[in-house]
Amino acid sequence: LSAVQENVSTWLEFLANSLVVLIVRT
């Protein structure tokens, strides 16, 4: 449970900071 919570938190942070540039490059 602790690992999944940390995982989701990190993923949401990645989405907020990187999704747009990732989609443009991809």
PDB file of all heavy atoms in Angstrom:
ATOM      1  N   LEU A   1       0.826  -1.198   0.000  1.00  0.00           N
ATOM      2  CA  LEU A   1       0.000   0.000   0.000  1.00  0.00           C
ATOM      3  C   LEU A   1       0.865   1.254   0.000  1.00  0.00           C
ATOM      4  O   LEU A   1       0.617   2.197  -0.753  1.00  0.00           O
ATOM      5  CB  LEU A   1      -0.942   0.002   1.206  1.00  0.00           C
ATOM      6  CG  LEU A   1      -1.862   1.222   1.328  1.00  0.00           C
ATOM      7  CD1 LEU A   1      -2.750   1.343   0.086  1.00  0.00           C
ATOM      8  CD2 LEU A   1      -2.703   1.133   2.599  1.00  0.00           C
ATOM      9  N   SER A   2       1.891   1.264   0.834  1.00  0.00           N
ATOM     10  CA  SER A   2       2.799   2.409   0.901  1.00  0.00           C
ATOM     11  C   SER A   2       3.504   2.630  -0.428  1.00  0.00           C
ATOM     12  O   SER A   2       3.634   3.768  -0.908  1.00  0.00           O
ATOM     13  CB  SER A   2       3.836   2.180   2.003  1.00  0.00           C
ATOM     14  OG  SER A   2       4.824   3.178   1.987  1.00  0.00           O
ATOM     15  N   ALA A   3       3.948   1.532  -1.070  1.00  0.00           N
ATOM     16  CA  ALA A   3       4.648   1.643  -2.349  1.00  0.00           C
ATOM     17  C   ALA A   3       3.724   2.166  -3.445  1.00  0.00           C
ATOM     18  O   ALA A   3       4.122   3.022  -4.247  1.00  0.00           O
ATOM     19  CB  ALA A   3       5.226   0.282  -2.748  1.00  0.00           C
ATOM     20  N   VAL A   4       2.485   1.673  -3.480  1.00  0.00           N
ATOM     21  CA  VAL A   4       1.533   2.121  -4.494  1.00  0.00           C
ATOM     22  C   VAL A   4       1.212   3.598  -4.300  1.00  0.00           C
ATOM     23  O   VAL A   4       1.123   4.366  -5.277  1.00  0.00           O
ATOM     24  CB  VAL A   4       0.249   1.266  -4.455  1.00  0.00           C
ATOM     25  CG1 VAL A   4      -0.841   1.894  -5.320  1.00  0.00           C
ATOM     26  CG2 VAL A   4       0.538  -0.149  -4.936  1.00  0.00           C
ATOM     27  N   GLN A   5       1.038   4.037  -3.071  1.00  0.00           N
ATOM     28  CA  GLN A   5       0.754   5.452  -2.808  1.00  0.00           C
ATOM     29  C   GLN A   5       1.900   6.342  -3.288  1.00  0.00           C
ATOM     30  O   GLN A   5       1.671   7.374  -3.915  1.00  0.00           O
ATOM     31  CB  GLN A   5       0.501   5.653  -1.306  1.00  0.00           C
ATOM     32  CG  GLN A   5      -0.819   5.086  -0.823  1.00  0.00           C
ATOM     33  CD  GLN A   5      -0.980   5.191   0.686  1.00  0.00           C
ATOM     34  OE1 GLN A   5       0.004   5.244   1.441  1.00  0.00           O
ATOM     35  NE2 GLN A   5      -2.222   5.237   1.137  1.00  0.00           N
ATOM     36  N   GLU A   6       3.131   5.937  -2.993  1.00  0.00           N
ATOM     37  CA  GLU A   6       4.296   6.707  -3.443  1.00  0.00           C
ATOM     38  C   GLU A   6       4.396   6.680  -4.962  1.00  0.00           C
ATOM     39  O   GLU A   6       4.729   7.688  -5.600  1.00  0.00           O
ATOM     40  CB  GLU A   6       5.568   6.129  -2.822  1.00  0.00           C
ATOM     41  CG  GLU A   6       6.835   6.915  -3.133  1.00  0.00           C
ATOM     42  CD  GLU A   6       6.876   8.279  -2.474  1.00  0.00           C
ATOM     43  OE1 GLU A   6       6.179   8.467  -1.440  1.00  0.00           O
ATOM     44  OE2 GLU A   6       7.601   9.161  -2.973  1.00  0.00           O
ATOM     45  N   ASN A   7       4.093   5.545  -5.552  1.00  0.00           N
ATOM     46  CA  ASN A   7       4.137   5.393  -7.005  1.00  0.00           C
ATOM     47  C   ASN A   7       3.142   6.323  -7.691  1.00  0.00           C
ATOM     48  O   ASN A   7       3.478   7.010  -8.656  1.00  0.00           O
ATOM     49  CB  ASN A   7       3.839   3.937  -7.365  1.00  0.00           C
ATOM     50  CG  ASN A   7       3.921   3.671  -8.853  1.00  0.00           C
ATOM     51  OD1 ASN A   7       5.002   3.617  -9.417  1.00  0.00           O
ATOM     52  ND2 ASN A   7       2.772   3.501  -9.496  1.00  0.00           N
ATOM     53  N   VAL A   8       1.906   6.356  -7.188  1.00  0.00           N
ATOM     54  CA  VAL A   8       0.872   7.217  -7.777  1.00  0.00           C
ATOM     55  C   VAL A   8       1.259   8.685  -7.626  1.00  0.00           C
ATOM     56  O   VAL A   8       1.100   9.486  -8.563  1.00  0.00           O
ATOM     57  CB  VAL A   8      -0.494   6.946  -7.121  1.00  0.00           C
ATOM     58  CG1 VAL A   8      -1.513   7.984  -7.570  1.00  0.00           C
ATOM     59  CG2 VAL A   8      -0.985   5.544  -7.470  1.00  0.00           C
ATOM     60  N   SER A   9       1.788   9.060  -6.462  1.00  0.00           N
ATOM     61  CA  SER A   9       2.191  10.442  -6.232  1.00  0.00           C
ATOM     62  C   SER A   9       3.272  10.877  -7.225  1.00  0.00           C
ATOM     63  O   SER A   9       3.204  11.967  -7.798  1.00  0.00           O
ATOM     64  CB  SER A   9       2.711  10.593  -4.797  1.00  0.00           C
ATOM     65  OG  SER A   9       3.218  11.900  -4.580  1.00  0.00           O
ATOM     66  N   THR A  10       4.248  10.005  -7.458  1.00  0.00           N
ATOM     67  CA  THR A  10       5.320  10.323  -8.397  1.00  0.00           C
ATOM     68  C   THR A  10       4.787  10.404  -9.821  1.00  0.00           C
ATOM     69  O   THR A  10       5.168  11.289 -10.595  1.00  0.00           O
ATOM     70  CB  THR A  10       6.430   9.261  -8.321  1.00  0.00           C
ATOM     71  OG1 THR A  10       6.916   9.189  -6.981  1.00  0.00           O
ATOM     72  CG2 THR A  10       7.591   9.599  -9.250  1.00  0.00           C
ATOM     73  N   TRP A  11       3.888   9.485 -10.184  1.00  0.00           N
ATOM     74  CA  TRP A  11       3.324   9.493 -11.530  1.00  0.00           C
ATOM     75  C   TRP A  11       2.547  10.769 -11.800  1.00  0.00           C
ATOM     76  O   TRP A  11       2.677  11.369 -12.873  1.00  0.00           O
ATOM     77  CB  TRP A  11       2.424   8.270 -11.728  1.00  0.00           C
ATOM     78  CG  TRP A  11       1.776   8.218 -13.078  1.00  0.00           C
ATOM     79  CD1 TRP A  11       2.404   8.099 -14.289  1.00  0.00           C
ATOM     80  CD2 TRP A  11       0.377   8.312 -13.362  1.00  0.00           C
ATOM     81  NE1 TRP A  11       1.476   8.099 -15.313  1.00  0.00           N
ATOM     82  CE2 TRP A  11       0.226   8.224 -14.771  1.00  0.00           C
ATOM     83  CE3 TRP A  11      -0.760   8.432 -12.570  1.00  0.00           C
ATOM     84  CZ2 TRP A  11      -1.015   8.268 -15.385  1.00  0.00           C
ATOM     85  CZ3 TRP A  11      -2.001   8.472 -13.182  1.00  0.00           C
ATOM     86  CH2 TRP A  11      -2.125   8.393 -14.579  1.00  0.00           C
ATOM     87  N   LEU A  12       1.753  11.201 -10.862  1.00  0.00           N
ATOM     88  CA  LEU A  12       0.986  12.440 -11.027  1.00  0.00           C
ATOM     89  C   LEU A  12       1.913  13.641 -11.174  1.00  0.00           C
ATOM     90  O   LEU A  12       1.638  14.576 -11.947  1.00  0.00           O
ATOM     91  CB  LEU A  12       0.037  12.642  -9.838  1.00  0.00           C
ATOM     92  CG  LEU A  12      -1.121  11.645  -9.745  1.00  0.00           C
ATOM     93  CD1 LEU A  12      -1.906  11.856  -8.454  1.00  0.00           C
ATOM     94  CD2 LEU A  12      -2.039  11.750 -10.958  1.00  0.00           C
ATOM     95  N   GLU A  13       3.025  13.617 -10.455  1.00  0.00           N
ATOM     96  CA  GLU A  13       4.014  14.692 -10.576  1.00  0.00           C
ATOM     97  C   GLU A  13       4.634  14.689 -11.975  1.00  0.00           C
ATOM     98  O   GLU A  13       4.818  15.747 -12.594  1.00  0.00           O
ATOM     99  CB  GLU A  13       5.098  14.515  -9.510  1.00  0.00           C
ATOM    100  CG  GLU A  13       6.108  15.643  -9.462  1.00  0.00           C
ATOM    101  CD  GLU A  13       7.119  15.467  -8.348  1.00  0.00           C
ATOM    102  OE1 GLU A  13       6.914  14.593  -7.483  1.00  0.00           O
ATOM    103  OE2 GLU A  13       8.132  16.197  -8.350  1.00  0.00           O
ATOM    104  N   PHE A  14       4.955  13.501 -12.481  1.00  0.00           N
ATOM    105  CA  PHE A  14       5.488  13.398 -13.835  1.00  0.00           C
ATOM    106  C   PHE A  14       4.492  13.931 -14.864  1.00  0.00           C
ATOM    107  O   PHE A  14       4.869  14.650 -15.800  1.00  0.00           O
ATOM    108  CB  PHE A  14       5.823  11.938 -14.165  1.00  0.00           C
ATOM    109  CG  PHE A  14       7.087  11.444 -13.528  1.00  0.00           C
ATOM    110  CD1 PHE A  14       7.387  10.089 -13.522  1.00  0.00           C
ATOM    111  CD2 PHE A  14       7.993  12.310 -12.944  1.00  0.00           C
ATOM    112  CE1 PHE A  14       8.548   9.615 -12.948  1.00  0.00           C
ATOM    113  CE2 PHE A  14       9.165  11.856 -12.357  1.00  0.00           C
ATOM    114  CZ  PHE A  14       9.447  10.497 -12.356  1.00  0.00           C
ATOM    115  N   LEU A  15       3.225  13.543 -14.717  1.00  0.00           N
ATOM    116  CA  LEU A  15       2.201  14.003 -15.657  1.00  0.00           C
ATOM    117  C   LEU A  15       2.131  15.524 -15.698  1.00  0.00           C
ATOM    118  O   LEU A  15       2.064  16.137 -16.765  1.00  0.00           O
ATOM    119  CB  LEU A  15       0.833  13.443 -15.266  1.00  0.00           C
ATOM    120  CG  LEU A  15       0.510  11.998 -15.629  1.00  0.00           C
ATOM    121  CD1 LEU A  15      -0.936  11.693 -15.264  1.00  0.00           C
ATOM    122  CD2 LEU A  15       0.735  11.721 -17.111  1.00  0.00           C
ATOM    123  N   ALA A  16       2.154  16.132 -14.524  1.00  0.00           N
ATOM    124  CA  ALA A  16       2.022  17.588 -14.443  1.00  0.00           C
ATOM    125  C   ALA A  16       3.205  18.293 -15.093  1.00  0.00           C
ATOM    126  O   ALA A  16       3.048  19.357 -15.708  1.00  0.00           O
ATOM    127  CB  ALA A  16       1.893  18.017 -12.979  1.00  0.00           C
ATOM    128  N   ASN A  17       4.387  17.709 -14.976  1.00  0.00           N
ATOM    129  CA  ASN A  17       5.598  18.396 -15.430  1.00  0.00           C
ATOM    130  C   ASN A  17       6.074  17.998 -16.825  1.00  0.00           C
ATOM    131  O   ASN A  17       6.811  18.761 -17.461  1.00  0.00           O
ATOM    132  CB  ASN A  17       6.738  18.150 -14.434  1.00  0.00           C
ATOM    133  CG  ASN A  17       6.467  18.751 -13.075  1.00  0.00           C
ATOM    134  OD1 ASN A  17       5.862  19.814 -12.976  1.00  0.00           O
ATOM    135  ND2 ASN A  17       6.902  18.083 -12.022  1.00  0.00           N
ATOM    136  N   SER A  18       5.680  16.821 -17.300  1.00  0.00           N
ATOM    137  CA  SER A  18       6.328  16.293 -18.508  1.00  0.00           C
ATOM    138  C   SER A  18       5.389  15.855 -19.623  1.00  0.00           C
ATOM    139  O   SER A  18       5.861  15.596 -20.738  1.00  0.00           O
ATOM    140  CB  SER A  18       7.213  15.093 -18.127  1.00  0.00           C
ATOM    141  OG  SER A  18       8.128  15.424 -17.117  1.00  0.00           O
ATOM    142  N   LEU A  19       4.087  15.727 -19.366  1.00  0.00           N
ATOM    143  CA  LEU A  19       3.205  15.106 -20.346  1.00  0.00           C
ATOM    144  C   LEU A  19       3.171  15.862 -21.665  1.00  0.00           C
ATOM    145  O   LEU A  19       3.239  15.247 -22.743  1.00  0.00           O
ATOM    146  CB  LEU A  19       1.790  14.972 -19.781  1.00  0.00           C
ATOM    147  CG  LEU A  19       0.784  14.254 -20.697  1.00  0.00           C
ATOM    148  CD1 LEU A  19       1.237  12.831 -20.967  1.00  0.00           C
ATOM    149  CD2 LEU A  19      -0.608  14.268 -20.084  1.00  0.00           C
ATOM    150  N   VAL A  20       3.093  17.176 -21.621  1.00  0.00           N
ATOM    151  CA  VAL A  20       2.964  17.960 -22.855  1.00  0.00           C
ATOM    152  C   VAL A  20       4.190  17.777 -23.743  1.00  0.00           C
ATOM    153  O   VAL A  20       4.081  17.475 -24.938  1.00  0.00           O
ATOM    154  CB  VAL A  20       2.738  19.446 -22.540  1.00  0.00           C
ATOM    155  CG1 VAL A  20       2.782  20.269 -23.830  1.00  0.00           C
ATOM    156  CG2 VAL A  20       1.389  19.647 -21.849  1.00  0.00           C
ATOM    157  N   VAL A  21       5.381  17.945 -23.164  1.00  0.00           N
ATOM    158  CA  VAL A  21       6.589  17.823 -23.975  1.00  0.00           C
ATOM    159  C   VAL A  21       6.775  16.394 -24.465  1.00  0.00           C
ATOM    160  O   VAL A  21       7.251  16.164 -25.590  1.00  0.00           O
ATOM    161  CB  VAL A  21       7.827  18.309 -23.182  1.00  0.00           C
ATOM    162  CG1 VAL A  21       8.139  17.400 -22.007  1.00  0.00           C
ATOM    163  CG2 VAL A  21       9.041  18.410 -24.101  1.00  0.00           C
ATOM    164  N   LEU A  22       6.358  15.414 -23.650  1.00  0.00           N
ATOM    165  CA  LEU A  22       6.446  14.019 -24.081  1.00  0.00           C
ATOM    166  C   LEU A  22       5.553  13.754 -25.292  1.00  0.00           C
ATOM    167  O   LEU A  22       5.964  13.082 -26.240  1.00  0.00           O
ATOM    168  CB  LEU A  22       6.050  13.089 -22.933  1.00  0.00           C
ATOM    169  CG  LEU A  22       7.161  12.563 -22.024  1.00  0.00           C
ATOM    170  CD1 LEU A  22       6.558  11.725 -20.903  1.00  0.00           C
ATOM    171  CD2 LEU A  22       8.178  11.754 -22.804  1.00  0.00           C
ATOM    172  N   ILE A  23       4.339  14.267 -25.263  1.00  0.00           N
ATOM    173  CA  ILE A  23       3.416  14.056 -26.379  1.00  0.00           C
ATOM    174  C   ILE A  23       3.925  14.740 -27.636  1.00  0.00           C
ATOM    175  O   ILE A  23       3.871  14.177 -28.743  1.00  0.00           O
ATOM    176  CB  ILE A  23       2.002  14.538 -26.008  1.00  0.00           C
ATOM    177  CG1 ILE A  23       1.366  13.579 -24.986  1.00  0.00           C
ATOM    178  CG2 ILE A  23       1.125  14.655 -27.249  1.00  0.00           C
ATOM    179  CD1 ILE A  23      -0.008  13.985 -24.531  1.00  0.00           C
ATOM    180  N   VAL A  24       4.447  15.969 -27.492  1.00  0.00           N
ATOM    181  CA  VAL A  24       4.967  16.690 -28.658  1.00  0.00           C
ATOM    182  C   VAL A  24       6.125  15.917 -29.283  1.00  0.00           C
ATOM    183  O   VAL A  24       6.170  15.705 -30.504  1.00  0.00           O
ATOM    184  CB  VAL A  24       5.413  18.114 -28.264  1.00  0.00           C
ATOM    185  CG1 VAL A  24       6.135  18.792 -29.433  1.00  0.00           C
ATOM    186  CG2 VAL A  24       4.213  18.953 -27.845  1.00  0.00           C
ATOM    187  N   ARG A  25       7.077  15.470 -28.452  1.00  0.00           N
ATOM    188  CA  ARG A  25       8.234  14.735 -28.978  1.00  0.00           C
ATOM    189  C   ARG A  25       7.798  13.392 -29.578  1.00  0.00           C
ATOM    190  O   ARG A  25       8.234  13.027 -30.680  1.00  0.00           O
ATOM    191  CB  ARG A  25       9.256  14.497 -27.869  1.00  0.00           C
ATOM    192  CG  ARG A  25      10.487  13.721 -28.362  1.00  0.00           C
ATOM    193  CD  ARG A  25      11.477  13.406 -27.252  1.00  0.00           C
ATOM    194  NE  ARG A  25      12.582  12.640 -27.776  1.00  0.00           N
ATOM    195  CZ  ARG A  25      13.692  13.144 -28.293  1.00  0.00           C
ATOM    196  NH1 ARG A  25      13.844  14.460 -28.341  1.00  0.00           N
ATOM    197  NH2 ARG A  25      14.656  12.372 -28.761  1.00  0.00           N
ATOM    198  N   THR A  26       6.947  12.677 -28.856  1.00  0.00           N
ATOM    199  CA  THR A  26       6.534  11.357 -29.313  1.00  0.00           C
ATOM    200  C   THR A  26       5.755  11.449 -30.616  1.00  0.00           C
ATOM    201  O   THR A  26       5.940  10.618 -31.525  1.00  0.00           O
ATOM    202  CB  THR A  26       5.683  10.665 -28.233  1.00  0.00           C
ATOM    203  OG1 THR A  26       6.432  10.604 -27.011  1.00  0.00           O
ATOM    204  CG2 THR A  26       5.325   9.251 -28.653  1.00  0.00           C
TER     205      THR A  26
END
